[in-house]
PDB file of all heavy atoms in Angstrom:
ATOM      1  N   PRO A   1      36.386  49.507 -42.185  1.00  0.00           N
ATOM      2  CA  PRO A   1      35.960  50.680 -42.957  1.00  0.00           C
ATOM      3  C   PRO A   1      35.335  50.336 -44.299  1.00  0.00           C
ATOM      4  O   PRO A   1      34.837  51.222 -44.995  1.00  0.00           O
ATOM      5  CB  PRO A   1      37.271  51.445 -43.158  1.00  0.00           C
ATOM      6  CG  PRO A   1      38.306  50.366 -43.247  1.00  0.00           C
ATOM      7  CD  PRO A   1      37.845  49.285 -42.287  1.00  0.00           C
ATOM      8  N   TRP A   2      35.331  49.048 -44.673  1.00  0.00           N
ATOM      9  CA  TRP A   2      34.843  48.655 -45.985  1.00  0.00           C
ATOM     10  C   TRP A   2      33.353  48.366 -46.013  1.00  0.00           C
ATOM     11  O   TRP A   2      32.734  48.455 -47.076  1.00  0.00           O
ATOM     12  CB  TRP A   2      35.606  47.424 -46.494  1.00  0.00           C
ATOM     13  CG  TRP A   2      36.988  47.723 -46.975  1.00  0.00           C
ATOM     14  CD1 TRP A   2      38.147  47.588 -46.274  1.00  0.00           C
ATOM     15  CD2 TRP A   2      37.364  48.219 -48.268  1.00  0.00           C
ATOM     16  NE1 TRP A   2      39.227  47.966 -47.047  1.00  0.00           N
ATOM     17  CE2 TRP A   2      38.764  48.356 -48.276  1.00  0.00           C
ATOM     18  CE3 TRP A   2      36.641  48.549 -49.424  1.00  0.00           C
ATOM     19  CZ2 TRP A   2      39.465  48.814 -49.384  1.00  0.00           C
ATOM     20  CZ3 TRP A   2      37.340  49.004 -50.534  1.00  0.00           C
ATOM     21  CH2 TRP A   2      38.729  49.133 -50.510  1.00  0.00           C
ATOM     22  N   ILE A   3      32.782  47.978 -44.889  1.00  0.00           N
ATOM     23  CA  ILE A   3      31.368  47.584 -44.886  1.00  0.00           C
ATOM     24  C   ILE A   3      30.638  48.206 -43.698  1.00  0.00           C
ATOM     25  O   ILE A   3      31.242  48.450 -42.649  1.00  0.00           O
ATOM     26  CB  ILE A   3      31.205  46.049 -44.841  1.00  0.00           C
ATOM     27  CG1 ILE A   3      31.703  45.486 -43.502  1.00  0.00           C
ATOM     28  CG2 ILE A   3      31.932  45.389 -46.007  1.00  0.00           C
ATOM     29  CD1 ILE A   3      31.370  44.034 -43.294  1.00  0.00           C
ATOM     30  N   PRO A   4      29.344  48.460 -43.829  1.00  0.00           N
ATOM     31  CA  PRO A   4      28.564  49.031 -42.719  1.00  0.00           C
ATOM     32  C   PRO A   4      28.171  47.943 -41.716  1.00  0.00           C
ATOM     33  O   PRO A   4      27.081  47.359 -41.796  1.00  0.00           O
ATOM     34  CB  PRO A   4      27.351  49.641 -43.417  1.00  0.00           C
ATOM     35  CG  PRO A   4      27.174  48.804 -44.649  1.00  0.00           C
ATOM     36  CD  PRO A   4      28.557  48.378 -45.067  1.00  0.00           C
ATOM     37  N   VAL A   5      29.052  47.665 -40.780  1.00  0.00           N
ATOM     38  CA  VAL A   5      28.808  46.594 -39.821  1.00  0.00           C
ATOM     39  C   VAL A   5      27.585  46.894 -38.957  1.00  0.00           C
ATOM     40  O   VAL A   5      26.765  46.016 -38.701  1.00  0.00           O
ATOM     41  CB  VAL A   5      30.061  46.353 -38.953  1.00  0.00           C
ATOM     42  CG1 VAL A   5      29.754  45.341 -37.835  1.00  0.00           C
ATOM     43  CG2 VAL A   5      31.219  45.845 -39.811  1.00  0.00           C
ATOM     44  N   ALA A   6      27.441  48.137 -38.497  1.00  0.00           N
ATOM     45  CA  ALA A   6      26.315  48.471 -37.620  1.00  0.00           C
ATOM     46  C   ALA A   6      24.981  48.204 -38.310  1.00  0.00           C
ATOM     47  O   ALA A   6      24.055  47.627 -37.711  1.00  0.00           O
ATOM     48  CB  ALA A   6      26.407  49.927 -37.185  1.00  0.00           C
ATOM     49  N   GLU A   7      24.866  48.581 -39.578  1.00  0.00           N
ATOM     50  CA  GLU A   7      23.634  48.336 -40.325  1.00  0.00           C
ATOM     51  C   GLU A   7      23.413  46.844 -40.519  1.00  0.00           C
ATOM     52  O   GLU A   7      22.278  46.347 -40.448  1.00  0.00           O
ATOM     53  CB  GLU A   7      23.701  49.043 -41.676  1.00  0.00           C
ATOM     54  CG  GLU A   7      22.476  48.857 -42.563  1.00  0.00           C
ATOM     55  CD  GLU A   7      21.221  49.483 -41.962  1.00  0.00           C
ATOM     56  OE1 GLU A   7      21.350  50.398 -41.122  1.00  0.00           O
ATOM     57  OE2 GLU A   7      20.116  49.038 -42.332  1.00  0.00           O
ATOM     58  N   THR A   8      24.494  46.110 -40.750  1.00  0.00           N
ATOM     59  CA  THR A   8      24.385  44.669 -40.939  1.00  0.00           C
ATOM     60  C   THR A   8      23.916  43.970 -39.666  1.00  0.00           C
ATOM     61  O   THR A   8      23.106  43.035 -39.722  1.00  0.00           O
ATOM     62  CB  THR A   8      25.740  44.096 -41.388  1.00  0.00           C
ATOM     63  OG1 THR A   8      26.035  44.594 -42.705  1.00  0.00           O
ATOM     64  CG2 THR A   8      25.724  42.579 -41.432  1.00  0.00           C
ATOM     65  N   LEU A   9      24.393  44.419 -38.519  1.00  0.00           N
ATOM     66  CA  LEU A   9      23.965  43.813 -37.262  1.00  0.00           C
ATOM     67  C   LEU A   9      22.466  44.016 -37.048  1.00  0.00           C
ATOM     68  O   LEU A   9      21.773  43.122 -36.535  1.00  0.00           O
ATOM     69  CB  LEU A   9      24.758  44.393 -36.098  1.00  0.00           C
ATOM     70  CG  LEU A   9      26.262  44.078 -36.091  1.00  0.00           C
ATOM     71  CD1 LEU A   9      26.941  44.741 -34.892  1.00  0.00           C
ATOM     72  CD2 LEU A   9      26.516  42.579 -36.074  1.00  0.00           C
ATOM     73  N   LYS A  10      21.943  45.169 -37.447  1.00  0.00           N
ATOM     74  CA  LYS A  10      20.501  45.392 -37.359  1.00  0.00           C
ATOM     75  C   LYS A  10      19.744  44.397 -38.230  1.00  0.00           C
ATOM     76  O   LYS A  10      18.705  43.859 -37.834  1.00  0.00           O
ATOM     77  CB  LYS A  10      20.160  46.822 -37.779  1.00  0.00           C
ATOM     78  CG  LYS A  10      20.672  47.911 -36.838  1.00  0.00           C
ATOM     79  CD  LYS A  10      20.320  49.276 -37.371  1.00  0.00           C
ATOM     80  CE  LYS A  10      20.886  50.375 -36.481  1.00  0.00           C
ATOM     81  NZ  LYS A  10      20.591  51.733 -37.033  1.00  0.00           N
ATOM     82  N   LYS A  11      20.270  44.148 -39.422  1.00  0.00           N
ATOM     83  CA  LYS A  11      19.612  43.212 -40.323  1.00  0.00           C
ATOM     84  C   LYS A  11      19.695  41.781 -39.798  1.00  0.00           C
ATOM     85  O   LYS A  11      18.760  40.988 -39.958  1.00  0.00           O
ATOM     86  CB  LYS A  11      20.215  43.320 -41.727  1.00  0.00           C
ATOM     87  CG  LYS A  11      19.819  44.603 -42.450  1.00  0.00           C
ATOM     88  CD  LYS A  11      20.365  44.651 -43.852  1.00  0.00           C
ATOM     89  CE  LYS A  11      19.805  45.838 -44.627  1.00  0.00           C
ATOM     90  NZ  LYS A  11      18.354  45.689 -44.911  1.00  0.00           N
ATOM     91  N   LEU A  12      20.794  41.429 -39.158  1.00  0.00           N
ATOM     92  CA  LEU A  12      20.908  40.105 -38.568  1.00  0.00           C
ATOM     93  C   LEU A  12      19.916  39.936 -37.423  1.00  0.00           C
ATOM     94  O   LEU A  12      19.320  38.862 -37.254  1.00  0.00           O
ATOM     95  CB  LEU A  12      22.330  39.864 -38.074  1.00  0.00           C
ATOM     96  CG  LEU A  12      23.364  39.546 -39.164  1.00  0.00           C
ATOM     97  CD1 LEU A  12      24.771  39.598 -38.593  1.00  0.00           C
ATOM     98  CD2 LEU A  12      23.102  38.182 -39.792  1.00  0.00           C
ATOM     99  N   GLN A  13      19.732  40.978 -36.652  1.00  0.00           N
ATOM    100  CA  GLN A  13      18.738  40.915 -35.577  1.00  0.00           C
ATOM    101  C   GLN A  13      17.333  40.758 -36.150  1.00  0.00           C
ATOM    102  O   GLN A  13      16.504  40.013 -35.608  1.00  0.00           O
ATOM    103  CB  GLN A  13      18.841  42.174 -34.709  1.00  0.00           C
ATOM    104  CG  GLN A  13      20.127  42.222 -33.889  1.00  0.00           C
ATOM    105  CD  GLN A  13      20.434  43.593 -33.322  1.00  0.00           C
ATOM    106  OE1 GLN A  13      19.617  44.514 -33.436  1.00  0.00           O
ATOM    107  NE2 GLN A  13      21.588  43.741 -32.722  1.00  0.00           N
ATOM    108  N   GLU A  14      17.087  41.434 -37.272  1.00  0.00           N
ATOM    109  CA  GLU A  14      15.799  41.272 -37.940  1.00  0.00           C
ATOM    110  C   GLU A  14      15.637  39.843 -38.454  1.00  0.00           C
ATOM    111  O   GLU A  14      14.574  39.224 -38.306  1.00  0.00           O
ATOM    112  CB  GLU A  14      15.691  42.263 -39.100  1.00  0.00           C
ATOM    113  CG  GLU A  14      14.408  42.138 -39.903  1.00  0.00           C
ATOM    114  CD  GLU A  14      14.390  43.056 -41.122  1.00  0.00           C
ATOM    115  OE1 GLU A  14      15.241  43.963 -41.207  1.00  0.00           O
ATOM    116  OE2 GLU A  14      13.530  42.843 -41.999  1.00  0.00           O
ATOM    117  N   LEU A  15      16.711  39.307 -39.042  1.00  0.00           N
ATOM    118  CA  LEU A  15      16.662  37.951 -39.572  1.00  0.00           C
ATOM    119  C   LEU A  15      16.449  36.927 -38.460  1.00  0.00           C
ATOM    120  O   LEU A  15      15.794  35.901 -38.669  1.00  0.00           O
ATOM    121  CB  LEU A  15      17.951  37.640 -40.333  1.00  0.00           C
ATOM    122  CG  LEU A  15      17.998  36.344 -41.136  1.00  0.00           C
ATOM    123  CD1 LEU A  15      16.968  36.350 -42.251  1.00  0.00           C
ATOM    124  CD2 LEU A  15      19.407  36.141 -41.717  1.00  0.00           C
ATOM    125  N   SER A  16      16.970  37.217 -37.265  1.00  0.00           N
ATOM    126  CA  SER A  16      16.837  36.269 -36.159  1.00  0.00           C
ATOM    127  C   SER A  16      15.382  36.085 -35.732  1.00  0.00           C
ATOM    128  O   SER A  16      15.036  35.086 -35.096  1.00  0.00           O
ATOM    129  CB  SER A  16      17.677  36.720 -34.966  1.00  0.00           C
ATOM    130  OG  SER A  16      17.145  37.908 -34.388  1.00  0.00           O
ATOM    131  N   GLY A  17      14.532  37.047 -36.078  1.00  0.00           N
ATOM    132  CA  GLY A  17      13.117  36.892 -35.781  1.00  0.00           C
ATOM    133  C   GLY A  17      12.405  35.952 -36.727  1.00  0.00           C
ATOM    134  O   GLY A  17      11.267  35.542 -36.455  1.00  0.00           O
ATOM    135  N   ARG A  18      13.076  35.601 -37.832  1.00  0.00           N
ATOM    136  CA  ARG A  18      12.465  34.734 -38.841  1.00  0.00           C
ATOM    137  C   ARG A  18      13.050  33.327 -38.832  1.00  0.00           C
ATOM    138  O   ARG A  18      12.364  32.363 -39.164  1.00  0.00           O
ATOM    139  CB  ARG A  18      12.668  35.317 -40.241  1.00  0.00           C
ATOM    140  CG  ARG A  18      12.199  36.752 -40.419  1.00  0.00           C
ATOM    141  CD  ARG A  18      12.411  37.157 -41.870  1.00  0.00           C
ATOM    142  NE  ARG A  18      12.136  38.574 -42.089  1.00  0.00           N
ATOM    143  CZ  ARG A  18      12.198  39.154 -43.283  1.00  0.00           C
ATOM    144  NH1 ARG A  18      12.528  38.427 -44.352  1.00  0.00           N
ATOM    145  NH2 ARG A  18      11.940  40.441 -43.417  1.00  0.00           N
ATOM    146  N   GLN A  19      14.327  33.213 -38.521  1.00  0.00           N
ATOM    147  CA  GLN A  19      14.974  31.909 -38.584  1.00  0.00           C
ATOM    148  C   GLN A  19      16.063  31.831 -37.527  1.00  0.00           C
ATOM    149  O   GLN A  19      16.562  32.852 -37.044  1.00  0.00           O
ATOM    150  CB  GLN A  19      15.551  31.665 -39.984  1.00  0.00           C
ATOM    151  CG  GLN A  19      16.597  32.671 -40.448  1.00  0.00           C
ATOM    152  CD  GLN A  19      16.861  32.556 -41.941  1.00  0.00           C
ATOM    153  OE1 GLN A  19      16.069  33.011 -42.752  1.00  0.00           O
ATOM    154  NE2 GLN A  19      17.971  31.934 -42.315  1.00  0.00           N
ATOM    155  N   HIS A  20      16.437  30.596 -37.201  1.00  0.00           N
ATOM    156  CA  HIS A  20      17.355  30.387 -36.085  1.00  0.00           C
ATOM    157  C   HIS A  20      18.531  29.488 -36.463  1.00  0.00           C
ATOM    158  O   HIS A  20      19.103  28.832 -35.596  1.00  0.00           O
ATOM    159  CB  HIS A  20      16.587  29.778 -34.902  1.00  0.00           C
ATOM    160  CG  HIS A  20      15.368  30.550 -34.522  1.00  0.00           C
ATOM    161  ND1 HIS A  20      15.426  31.757 -33.849  1.00  0.00           N
ATOM    162  CD2 HIS A  20      14.052  30.323 -34.759  1.00  0.00           C
ATOM    163  CE1 HIS A  20      14.202  32.227 -33.660  1.00  0.00           C
ATOM    164  NE2 HIS A  20      13.351  31.378 -34.211  1.00  0.00           N
ATOM    165  N   ASN A  21      18.897  29.496 -37.727  1.00  0.00           N
ATOM    166  CA  ASN A  21      19.966  28.621 -38.197  1.00  0.00           C
ATOM    167  C   ASN A  21      21.286  29.354 -38.368  1.00  0.00           C
ATOM    168  O   ASN A  21      22.140  28.926 -39.139  1.00  0.00           O
ATOM    169  CB  ASN A  21      19.577  27.958 -39.525  1.00  0.00           C
ATOM    170  CG  ASN A  21      19.373  28.984 -40.638  1.00  0.00           C
ATOM    171  OD1 ASN A  21      18.888  30.085 -40.395  1.00  0.00           O
ATOM    172  ND2 ASN A  21      19.740  28.615 -41.855  1.00  0.00           N
ATOM    173  N   PHE A  22      21.472  30.467 -37.661  1.00  0.00           N
ATOM    174  CA  PHE A  22      22.729  31.193 -37.822  1.00  0.00           C
ATOM    175  C   PHE A  22      23.178  31.786 -36.491  1.00  0.00           C
ATOM    176  O   PHE A  22      22.400  31.984 -35.564  1.00  0.00           O
ATOM    177  CB  PHE A  22      22.602  32.296 -38.878  1.00  0.00           C
ATOM    178  CG  PHE A  22      21.733  33.453 -38.460  1.00  0.00           C
ATOM    179  CD1 PHE A  22      22.273  34.559 -37.827  1.00  0.00           C
ATOM    180  CD2 PHE A  22      20.364  33.429 -38.705  1.00  0.00           C
ATOM    181  CE1 PHE A  22      21.465  35.621 -37.438  1.00  0.00           C
ATOM    182  CE2 PHE A  22      19.552  34.481 -38.327  1.00  0.00           C
ATOM    183  CZ  PHE A  22      20.103  35.588 -37.693  1.00  0.00           C
ATOM    184  N   GLU A  23      24.476  32.065 -36.445  1.00  0.00           N
ATOM    185  CA  GLU A  23      25.078  32.768 -35.326  1.00  0.00           C
ATOM    186  C   GLU A  23      25.954  33.874 -35.900  1.00  0.00           C
ATOM    187  O   GLU A  23      26.380  33.803 -37.063  1.00  0.00           O
ATOM    188  CB  GLU A  23      25.921  31.811 -34.474  1.00  0.00           C
ATOM    189  CG  GLU A  23      25.130  30.678 -33.845  1.00  0.00           C
ATOM    190  CD  GLU A  23      26.029  29.698 -33.112  1.00  0.00           C
ATOM    191  OE1 GLU A  23      26.555  30.070 -32.046  1.00  0.00           O
ATOM    192  OE2 GLU A  23      26.208  28.569 -33.628  1.00  0.00           O
ATOM    193  N   TYR A  24      26.229  34.872 -35.096  1.00  0.00           N
ATOM    194  CA  TYR A  24      27.131  35.925 -35.574  1.00  0.00           C
ATOM    195  C   TYR A  24      27.985  36.444 -34.428  1.00  0.00           C
ATOM    196  O   TYR A  24      27.640  36.306 -33.251  1.00  0.00           O
ATOM    197  CB  TYR A  24      26.375  37.059 -36.253  1.00  0.00           C
ATOM    198  CG  TYR A  24      25.399  37.827 -35.385  1.00  0.00           C
ATOM    199  CD1 TYR A  24      25.797  38.971 -34.703  1.00  0.00           C
ATOM    200  CD2 TYR A  24      24.069  37.417 -35.286  1.00  0.00           C
ATOM    201  CE1 TYR A  24      24.895  39.690 -33.930  1.00  0.00           C
ATOM    202  CE2 TYR A  24      23.160  38.126 -34.519  1.00  0.00           C
ATOM    203  CZ  TYR A  24      23.585  39.264 -33.843  1.00  0.00           C
ATOM    204  OH  TYR A  24      22.686  39.967 -33.085  1.00  0.00           O
ATOM    205  N   ALA A  25      29.126  37.011 -34.791  1.00  0.00           N
ATOM    206  CA  ALA A  25      30.065  37.527 -33.802  1.00  0.00           C
ATOM    207  C   ALA A  25      30.772  38.746 -34.360  1.00  0.00           C
ATOM    208  O   ALA A  25      31.054  38.823 -35.561  1.00  0.00           O
ATOM    209  CB  ALA A  25      31.090  36.455 -33.433  1.00  0.00           C
ATOM    210  N   VAL A  26      31.044  39.706 -33.479  1.00  0.00           N
ATOM    211  CA  VAL A  26      31.887  40.850 -33.803  1.00  0.00           C
ATOM    212  C   VAL A  26      33.247  40.600 -33.163  1.00  0.00           C
ATOM    213  O   VAL A  26      33.345  40.386 -31.945  1.00  0.00           O
ATOM    214  CB  VAL A  26      31.279  42.167 -33.294  1.00  0.00           C
ATOM    215  CG1 VAL A  26      32.230  43.333 -33.554  1.00  0.00           C
ATOM    216  CG2 VAL A  26      29.928  42.429 -33.959  1.00  0.00           C
ATOM    217  N   ILE A  27      34.279  40.598 -33.980  1.00  0.00           N
ATOM    218  CA  ILE A  27      35.622  40.254 -33.526  1.00  0.00           C
ATOM    219  C   ILE A  27      36.355  41.522 -33.075  1.00  0.00           C
ATOM    220  O   ILE A  27      36.472  42.478 -33.840  1.00  0.00           O
ATOM    221  CB  ILE A  27      36.411  39.557 -34.646  1.00  0.00           C
ATOM    222  CG1 ILE A  27      35.642  38.312 -35.130  1.00  0.00           C
ATOM    223  CG2 ILE A  27      37.803  39.184 -34.166  1.00  0.00           C
ATOM    224  CD1 ILE A  27      35.339  37.302 -34.073  1.00  0.00           C
ATOM    225  N   PRO A  28      36.840  41.562 -31.836  1.00  0.00           N
ATOM    226  CA  PRO A  28      37.527  42.764 -31.349  1.00  0.00           C
ATOM    227  C   PRO A  28      38.885  42.968 -32.020  1.00  0.00           C
ATOM    228  O   PRO A  28      39.560  42.003 -32.390  1.00  0.00           O
ATOM    229  CB  PRO A  28      37.691  42.495 -29.852  1.00  0.00           C
ATOM    230  CG  PRO A  28      37.691  41.006 -29.727  1.00  0.00           C
ATOM    231  CD  PRO A  28      36.759  40.507 -30.797  1.00  0.00           C
ATOM    232  N   ASN A  29      39.229  44.233 -32.179  1.00  0.00           N
ATOM    233  CA  ASN A  29      40.540  44.617 -32.738  1.00  0.00           C
ATOM    234  C   ASN A  29      40.791  43.955 -34.089  1.00  0.00           C
ATOM    235  O   ASN A  29      41.856  43.383 -34.333  1.00  0.00           O
ATOM    236  CB  ASN A  29      41.665  44.266 -31.761  1.00  0.00           C
ATOM    237  CG  ASN A  29      41.512  44.959 -30.428  1.00  0.00           C
ATOM    238  OD1 ASN A  29      41.288  46.172 -30.378  1.00  0.00           O
ATOM    239  ND2 ASN A  29      41.608  44.212 -29.340  1.00  0.00           N
ATOM    240  N   ALA A  30      39.794  44.049 -34.960  1.00  0.00           N
ATOM    241  CA  ALA A  30      39.912  43.414 -36.276  1.00  0.00           C
ATOM    242  C   ALA A  30      39.318  44.315 -37.346  1.00  0.00           C
ATOM    243  O   ALA A  30      38.307  44.981 -37.126  1.00  0.00           O
ATOM    244  CB  ALA A  30      39.200  42.059 -36.281  1.00  0.00           C
ATOM    245  N   ASN A  31      39.951  44.319 -38.512  1.00  0.00           N
ATOM    246  CA  ASN A  31      39.446  45.089 -39.649  1.00  0.00           C
ATOM    247  C   ASN A  31      38.761  44.141 -40.640  1.00  0.00           C
ATOM    248  O   ASN A  31      38.334  43.044 -40.279  1.00  0.00           O
ATOM    249  CB  ASN A  31      40.569  45.905 -40.292  1.00  0.00           C
ATOM    250  CG  ASN A  31      41.630  45.036 -40.960  1.00  0.00           C
ATOM    251  OD1 ASN A  31      41.527  43.805 -41.032  1.00  0.00           O
ATOM    252  ND2 ASN A  31      42.670  45.665 -41.466  1.00  0.00           N
ATOM    253  N   HIS A  32      38.675  44.541 -41.886  1.00  0.00           N
ATOM    254  CA  HIS A  32      37.957  43.769 -42.898  1.00  0.00           C
ATOM    255  C   HIS A  32      38.576  42.398 -43.125  1.00  0.00           C
ATOM    256  O   HIS A  32      37.869  41.412 -43.331  1.00  0.00           O
ATOM    257  CB  HIS A  32      37.952  44.569 -44.205  1.00  0.00           C
ATOM    258  CG  HIS A  32      37.018  44.045 -45.254  1.00  0.00           C
ATOM    259  ND1 HIS A  32      35.656  44.039 -45.098  1.00  0.00           N
ATOM    260  CD2 HIS A  32      37.260  43.507 -46.488  1.00  0.00           C
ATOM    261  CE1 HIS A  32      35.084  43.539 -46.176  1.00  0.00           C
ATOM    262  NE2 HIS A  32      36.031  43.192 -47.032  1.00  0.00           N
ATOM    263  N   GLU A  33      39.910  42.333 -43.095  1.00  0.00           N
ATOM    264  CA  GLU A  33      40.622  41.071 -43.336  1.00  0.00           C
ATOM    265  C   GLU A  33      40.904  40.326 -42.043  1.00  0.00           C
ATOM    266  O   GLU A  33      41.699  39.392 -42.031  1.00  0.00           O
ATOM    267  CB  GLU A  33      41.938  41.347 -44.077  1.00  0.00           C
ATOM    268  CG  GLU A  33      41.789  41.899 -45.476  1.00  0.00           C
ATOM    269  CD  GLU A  33      41.509  43.412 -45.490  1.00  0.00           C
ATOM    270  OE1 GLU A  33      41.767  44.079 -44.456  1.00  0.00           O
ATOM    271  OE2 GLU A  33      41.023  43.908 -46.523  1.00  0.00           O
ATOM    272  N   MET A  34      40.274  40.725 -40.940  1.00  0.00           N
ATOM    273  CA  MET A  34      40.522  40.148 -39.619  1.00  0.00           C
ATOM    274  C   MET A  34      41.968  40.359 -39.189  1.00  0.00           C
ATOM    275  O   MET A  34      42.553  39.543 -38.473  1.00  0.00           O
ATOM    276  CB  MET A  34      40.158  38.655 -39.588  1.00  0.00           C
ATOM    277  CG  MET A  34      38.671  38.410 -39.754  1.00  0.00           C
ATOM    278  SD  MET A  34      37.725  39.041 -38.340  1.00  0.00           S
ATOM    279  CE  MET A  34      36.144  39.422 -39.099  1.00  0.00           C
ATOM    280  N   MET A  35      42.526  41.491 -39.610  1.00  0.00           N
ATOM    281  CA  MET A  35      43.851  41.917 -39.182  1.00  0.00           C
ATOM    282  C   MET A  35      43.717  43.043 -38.166  1.00  0.00           C
ATOM    283  O   MET A  35      42.627  43.581 -37.956  1.00  0.00           O
ATOM    284  CB  MET A  35      44.673  42.387 -40.391  1.00  0.00           C
ATOM    285  CG  MET A  35      44.892  41.332 -41.451  1.00  0.00           C
ATOM    286  SD  MET A  35      45.745  41.976 -42.916  1.00  0.00           S
ATOM    287  CE  MET A  35      47.359  42.358 -42.215  1.00  0.00           C
ATOM    288  N   SER A  36      44.827  43.423 -37.558  1.00  0.00           N
ATOM    289  CA  SER A  36      44.812  44.552 -36.636  1.00  0.00           C
ATOM    290  C   SER A  36      44.417  45.817 -37.382  1.00  0.00           C
ATOM    291  O   SER A  36      44.905  46.081 -38.485  1.00  0.00           O
ATOM    292  CB  SER A  36      46.201  44.746 -36.014  1.00  0.00           C
ATOM    293  OG  SER A  36      46.268  45.976 -35.326  1.00  0.00           O
TER     294      SER A  36
END
């Protein structure tokens, strides 16, 4: 609830068209601190 993940994923997809030195993952059942 702290950050706009959906908007960030769009930006990462945009960035992937420019460079290829990164990876990303969405972690299931996790909040901002990677807790339940």
